[in-house]
């Protein structure tokens, strides 16, 4: 009997802890299915416009200021229109043709900010692999719109 009471108490504390963390607005490892759908749509649009080499449409998936931490350097785009197609030219010099997500895992989420553990690969036109990279994307909802606010990547 005493064992059942202890198990019941532990279950109650665990459940209360989970419910509090889920609904306190401070983020959780669980994600709302609607939020997940919106975030993955932004990431799909991000990758599709990137592969289309459409700088304007690609930036439409961002929130500004937009931050990128890569190669030990933080880059900040203050507003849309600053980024041009030179990024695609530079990548093209490496043989890059397109990129694909390998995985996207939501690791923390709230109703307006999501941390996404990602891995993507870069490919040549013939489909051969150039390299695979781990990264963290922070996707935020601002003024009713989801967008990529920050990227921290091990890519160049």
C-alpha atoms as a PDB file:
ATOM      1  CA  UNK A   1       0.000   0.000   0.000  1.00  0.00           C
ATOM      2  CA  UNK A   2       2.735   2.461   0.952  1.00  0.00           C
ATOM      3  CA  UNK A   3       4.592   1.598  -2.283  1.00  0.00           C
ATOM      4  CA  UNK A   4       1.450   2.473  -4.318  1.00  0.00           C
ATOM      5  CA  UNK A   5       1.144   5.825  -2.528  1.00  0.00           C
ATOM      6  CA  UNK A   6       4.791   6.671  -3.278  1.00  0.00           C
ATOM      7  CA  UNK A   7       4.382   5.666  -6.938  1.00  0.00           C
ATOM      8  CA  UNK A   8       1.197   7.746  -7.127  1.00  0.00           C
ATOM      9  CA  UNK A   9       2.951  10.768  -5.627  1.00  0.00           C
ATOM     10  CA  UNK A  10       5.914  10.425  -8.005  1.00  0.00           C
ATOM     11  CA  UNK A  11       3.516  10.153 -10.951  1.00  0.00           C
ATOM     12  CA  UNK A  12       1.606  13.248  -9.784  1.00  0.00           C
ATOM     13  CA  UNK A  13       4.786  15.302  -9.352  1.00  0.00           C
ATOM     14  CA  UNK A  14       6.055  14.201 -12.781  1.00  0.00           C
ATOM     15  CA  UNK A  15       2.717  14.988 -14.422  1.00  0.00           C
ATOM     16  CA  UNK A  16       2.477  18.391 -12.699  1.00  0.00           C
ATOM     17  CA  UNK A  17       6.044  19.169 -13.762  1.00  0.00           C
ATOM     18  CA  UNK A  18       5.266  18.244 -17.388  1.00  0.00           C
ATOM     19  CA  UNK A  19       2.005  20.203 -17.476  1.00  0.00           C
ATOM     20  CA  UNK A  20       3.629  23.265 -15.887  1.00  0.00           C
ATOM     21  CA  UNK A  21       6.552  23.162 -18.344  1.00  0.00           C
ATOM     22  CA  UNK A  22       4.222  22.665 -21.285  1.00  0.00           C
ATOM     23  CA  UNK A  23       1.922  25.563 -20.506  1.00  0.00           C
ATOM     24  CA  UNK A  24       4.125  28.164 -18.829  1.00  0.00           C
ATOM     25  CA  UNK A  25       5.113  29.758 -22.165  1.00  0.00           C
ATOM     26  CA  UNK A  26       8.811  29.219 -21.486  1.00  0.00           C
ATOM     27  CA  UNK A  27       9.365  26.360 -23.910  1.00  0.00           C
ATOM     28  CA  UNK A  28       9.237  22.618 -23.775  1.00  0.00           C
ATOM     29  CA  UNK A  29      10.649  19.607 -25.540  1.00  0.00           C
ATOM     30  CA  UNK A  30       7.132  18.837 -26.755  1.00  0.00           C
ATOM     31  CA  UNK A  31       5.694  20.822 -29.648  1.00  0.00           C
ATOM     32  CA  UNK A  32       2.220  21.830 -30.659  1.00  0.00           C
ATOM     33  CA  UNK A  33       1.386  19.981 -33.921  1.00  0.00           C
ATOM     34  CA  UNK A  34       0.186  23.231 -35.525  1.00  0.00           C
ATOM     35  CA  UNK A  35       3.414  25.008 -34.579  1.00  0.00           C
ATOM     36  CA  UNK A  36       5.459  22.090 -35.926  1.00  0.00           C
ATOM     37  CA  UNK A  37       3.540  22.220 -39.219  1.00  0.00           C
ATOM     38  CA  UNK A  38       4.172  25.973 -39.597  1.00  0.00           C
ATOM     39  CA  UNK A  39       7.853  25.711 -38.683  1.00  0.00           C
ATOM     40  CA  UNK A  40       8.466  22.849 -41.113  1.00  0.00           C
ATOM     41  CA  UNK A  41       6.674  24.792 -43.850  1.00  0.00           C
ATOM     42  CA  UNK A  42       9.041  27.735 -43.288  1.00  0.00           C
ATOM     43  CA  UNK A  43      12.035  25.384 -43.415  1.00  0.00           C
ATOM     44  CA  UNK A  44      10.699  23.746 -46.602  1.00  0.00           C
ATOM     45  CA  UNK A  45      10.226  27.188 -48.176  1.00  0.00           C
ATOM     46  CA  UNK A  46      13.697  28.171 -46.958  1.00  0.00           C
ATOM     47  CA  UNK A  47      15.332  25.180 -48.655  1.00  0.00           C
ATOM     48  CA  UNK A  48      13.223  25.377 -51.840  1.00  0.00           C
ATOM     49  CA  UNK A  49      13.948  29.079 -52.425  1.00  0.00           C
ATOM     50  CA  UNK A  50      17.621  28.538 -51.573  1.00  0.00           C
ATOM     51  CA  UNK A  51      17.859  25.750 -54.156  1.00  0.00           C
ATOM     52  CA  UNK A  52      16.016  27.937 -56.676  1.00  0.00           C
ATOM     53  CA  UNK A  53      18.763  30.540 -56.093  1.00  0.00           C
ATOM     54  CA  UNK A  54      16.056  33.132 -55.489  1.00  0.00           C
ATOM     55  CA  UNK A  55      17.605  35.549 -52.967  1.00  0.00           C
ATOM     56  CA  UNK A  56      14.438  37.636 -52.617  1.00  0.00           C
ATOM     57  CA  UNK A  57      12.164  34.649 -51.934  1.00  0.00           C
ATOM     58  CA  UNK A  58      14.809  33.075 -49.690  1.00  0.00           C
ATOM     59  CA  UNK A  59      14.943  36.224 -47.564  1.00  0.00           C
ATOM     60  CA  UNK A  60      11.149  36.141 -47.326  1.00  0.00           C
ATOM     61  CA  UNK A  61      11.627  33.103 -45.046  1.00  0.00           C
ATOM     62  CA  UNK A  62      13.777  35.197 -42.653  1.00  0.00           C
ATOM     63  CA  UNK A  63      12.951  37.542 -39.804  1.00  0.00           C
ATOM     64  CA  UNK A  64      15.117  40.634 -39.513  1.00  0.00           C
ATOM     65  CA  UNK A  65      17.497  41.335 -38.107  1.00  0.00           C
ATOM     66  CA  UNK A  66      18.630  37.862 -39.181  1.00  0.00           C
ATOM     67  CA  UNK A  67      21.649  36.208 -37.558  1.00  0.00           C
ATOM     68  CA  UNK A  68      24.026  33.535 -38.848  1.00  0.00           C
ATOM     69  CA  UNK A  69      26.839  32.072 -36.779  1.00  0.00           C
ATOM     70  CA  UNK A  70      29.250  30.064 -38.916  1.00  0.00           C
ATOM     71  CA  UNK A  71      33.018  29.666 -39.186  1.00  0.00           C
ATOM     72  CA  UNK A  72      33.375  31.429 -35.843  1.00  0.00           C
ATOM     73  CA  UNK A  73      31.763  34.608 -37.156  1.00  0.00           C
ATOM     74  CA  UNK A  74      28.368  36.167 -36.465  1.00  0.00           C
ATOM     75  CA  UNK A  75      26.807  37.743 -39.552  1.00  0.00           C
ATOM     76  CA  UNK A  76      23.840  40.047 -39.186  1.00  0.00           C
ATOM     77  CA  UNK A  77      21.446  41.021 -41.945  1.00  0.00           C
ATOM     78  CA  UNK A  78      19.634  44.082 -40.655  1.00  0.00           C
ATOM     79  CA  UNK A  79      16.922  44.054 -43.332  1.00  0.00           C
ATOM     80  CA  UNK A  80      15.726  42.312 -46.475  1.00  0.00           C
ATOM     81  CA  UNK A  81      17.416  43.227 -49.741  1.00  0.00           C
ATOM     82  CA  UNK A  82      20.975  43.295 -48.409  1.00  0.00           C
ATOM     83  CA  UNK A  83      21.660  39.704 -49.438  1.00  0.00           C
ATOM     84  CA  UNK A  84      22.080  39.226 -53.168  1.00  0.00           C
ATOM     85  CA  UNK A  85      22.773  36.287 -55.451  1.00  0.00           C
ATOM     86  CA  UNK A  86      26.542  36.339 -54.781  1.00  0.00           C
ATOM     87  CA  UNK A  87      26.006  33.681 -52.113  1.00  0.00           C
ATOM     88  CA  UNK A  88      24.840  31.296 -54.833  1.00  0.00           C
ATOM     89  CA  UNK A  89      27.782  32.219 -57.067  1.00  0.00           C
ATOM     90  CA  UNK A  90      30.238  31.503 -54.229  1.00  0.00           C
ATOM     91  CA  UNK A  91      28.594  28.168 -53.475  1.00  0.00           C
ATOM     92  CA  UNK A  92      28.577  27.326 -57.194  1.00  0.00           C
ATOM     93  CA  UNK A  93      32.368  27.670 -57.204  1.00  0.00           C
ATOM     94  CA  UNK A  94      32.509  24.752 -54.757  1.00  0.00           C
ATOM     95  CA  UNK A  95      30.479  22.598 -57.147  1.00  0.00           C
ATOM     96  CA  UNK A  96      27.256  23.144 -55.204  1.00  0.00           C
ATOM     97  CA  UNK A  97      24.028  22.608 -57.111  1.00  0.00           C
ATOM     98  CA  UNK A  98      21.448  22.007 -54.372  1.00  0.00           C
ATOM     99  CA  UNK A  99      20.959  21.112 -50.725  1.00  0.00           C
ATOM    100  CA  UNK A 100      18.591  18.783 -48.866  1.00  0.00           C
ATOM    101  CA  UNK A 101      17.507  18.421 -45.273  1.00  0.00           C
ATOM    102  CA  UNK A 102      18.668  15.122 -43.763  1.00  0.00           C
ATOM    103  CA  UNK A 103      16.756  15.699 -40.565  1.00  0.00           C
ATOM    104  CA  UNK A 104      14.876  18.429 -38.708  1.00  0.00           C
ATOM    105  CA  UNK A 105      14.107  17.749 -35.073  1.00  0.00           C
ATOM    106  CA  UNK A 106      12.335  20.214 -32.842  1.00  0.00           C
ATOM    107  CA  UNK A 107      14.280  20.179 -29.598  1.00  0.00           C
ATOM    108  CA  UNK A 108      12.531  23.036 -27.771  1.00  0.00           C
ATOM    109  CA  UNK A 109       9.387  24.957 -28.549  1.00  0.00           C
ATOM    110  CA  UNK A 110       6.915  27.543 -27.390  1.00  0.00           C
ATOM    111  CA  UNK A 111       4.020  29.140 -29.236  1.00  0.00           C
ATOM    112  CA  UNK A 112       6.323  31.751 -30.828  1.00  0.00           C
ATOM    113  CA  UNK A 113       9.868  30.325 -30.822  1.00  0.00           C
ATOM    114  CA  UNK A 114      11.220  26.942 -31.867  1.00  0.00           C
ATOM    115  CA  UNK A 115      14.743  25.523 -31.756  1.00  0.00           C
ATOM    116  CA  UNK A 116      15.311  23.020 -34.558  1.00  0.00           C
ATOM    117  CA  UNK A 117      18.250  20.626 -34.658  1.00  0.00           C
ATOM    118  CA  UNK A 118      18.969  20.183 -38.348  1.00  0.00           C
ATOM    119  CA  UNK A 119      21.330  18.392 -40.620  1.00  0.00           C
ATOM    120  CA  UNK A 120      21.611  19.211 -44.302  1.00  0.00           C
ATOM    121  CA  UNK A 121      23.783  18.079 -47.163  1.00  0.00           C
ATOM    122  CA  UNK A 122      25.112  19.896 -50.184  1.00  0.00           C
ATOM    123  CA  UNK A 123      25.175  18.134 -53.560  1.00  0.00           C
ATOM    124  CA  UNK A 124      26.635  18.567 -57.025  1.00  0.00           C
ATOM    125  CA  UNK A 125      24.416  18.580 -60.137  1.00  0.00           C
ATOM    126  CA  UNK A 126      25.101  14.858 -60.672  1.00  0.00           C
ATOM    127  CA  UNK A 127      23.730  14.134 -57.187  1.00  0.00           C
ATOM    128  CA  UNK A 128      27.085  13.346 -55.611  1.00  0.00           C
ATOM    129  CA  UNK A 129      27.564  14.515 -52.044  1.00  0.00           C
ATOM    130  CA  UNK A 130      29.802  17.487 -51.301  1.00  0.00           C
ATOM    131  CA  UNK A 131      29.423  17.588 -47.523  1.00  0.00           C
ATOM    132  CA  UNK A 132      26.956  17.209 -44.646  1.00  0.00           C
ATOM    133  CA  UNK A 133      26.523  19.822 -41.895  1.00  0.00           C
ATOM    134  CA  UNK A 134      24.908  19.980 -38.466  1.00  0.00           C
ATOM    135  CA  UNK A 135      23.145  23.188 -37.488  1.00  0.00           C
ATOM    136  CA  UNK A 136      20.632  24.795 -35.183  1.00  0.00           C
ATOM    137  CA  UNK A 137      17.849  26.980 -36.537  1.00  0.00           C
ATOM    138  CA  UNK A 138      15.775  29.292 -34.370  1.00  0.00           C
ATOM    139  CA  UNK A 139      12.425  29.943 -35.997  1.00  0.00           C
ATOM    140  CA  UNK A 140      10.233  32.668 -34.506  1.00  0.00           C
ATOM    141  CA  UNK A 141       6.716  33.949 -34.950  1.00  0.00           C
ATOM    142  CA  UNK A 142       6.712  37.721 -35.282  1.00  0.00           C
ATOM    143  CA  UNK A 143       3.693  39.820 -36.222  1.00  0.00           C
ATOM    144  CA  UNK A 144       1.762  36.625 -36.968  1.00  0.00           C
ATOM    145  CA  UNK A 145       4.390  35.212 -39.377  1.00  0.00           C
ATOM    146  CA  UNK A 146       6.901  32.402 -38.850  1.00  0.00           C
ATOM    147  CA  UNK A 147      10.453  32.959 -40.105  1.00  0.00           C
ATOM    148  CA  UNK A 148      14.066  31.927 -39.553  1.00  0.00           C
ATOM    149  CA  UNK A 149      15.608  34.328 -37.036  1.00  0.00           C
ATOM    150  CA  UNK A 150      18.950  32.675 -36.369  1.00  0.00           C
ATOM    151  CA  UNK A 151      21.109  29.952 -37.857  1.00  0.00           C
ATOM    152  CA  UNK A 152      24.131  28.458 -36.155  1.00  0.00           C
ATOM    153  CA  UNK A 153      25.908  26.128 -38.500  1.00  0.00           C
ATOM    154  CA  UNK A 154      29.135  24.218 -38.910  1.00  0.00           C
ATOM    155  CA  UNK A 155      29.031  25.046 -42.639  1.00  0.00           C
ATOM    156  CA  UNK A 156      31.460  27.570 -44.055  1.00  0.00           C
END
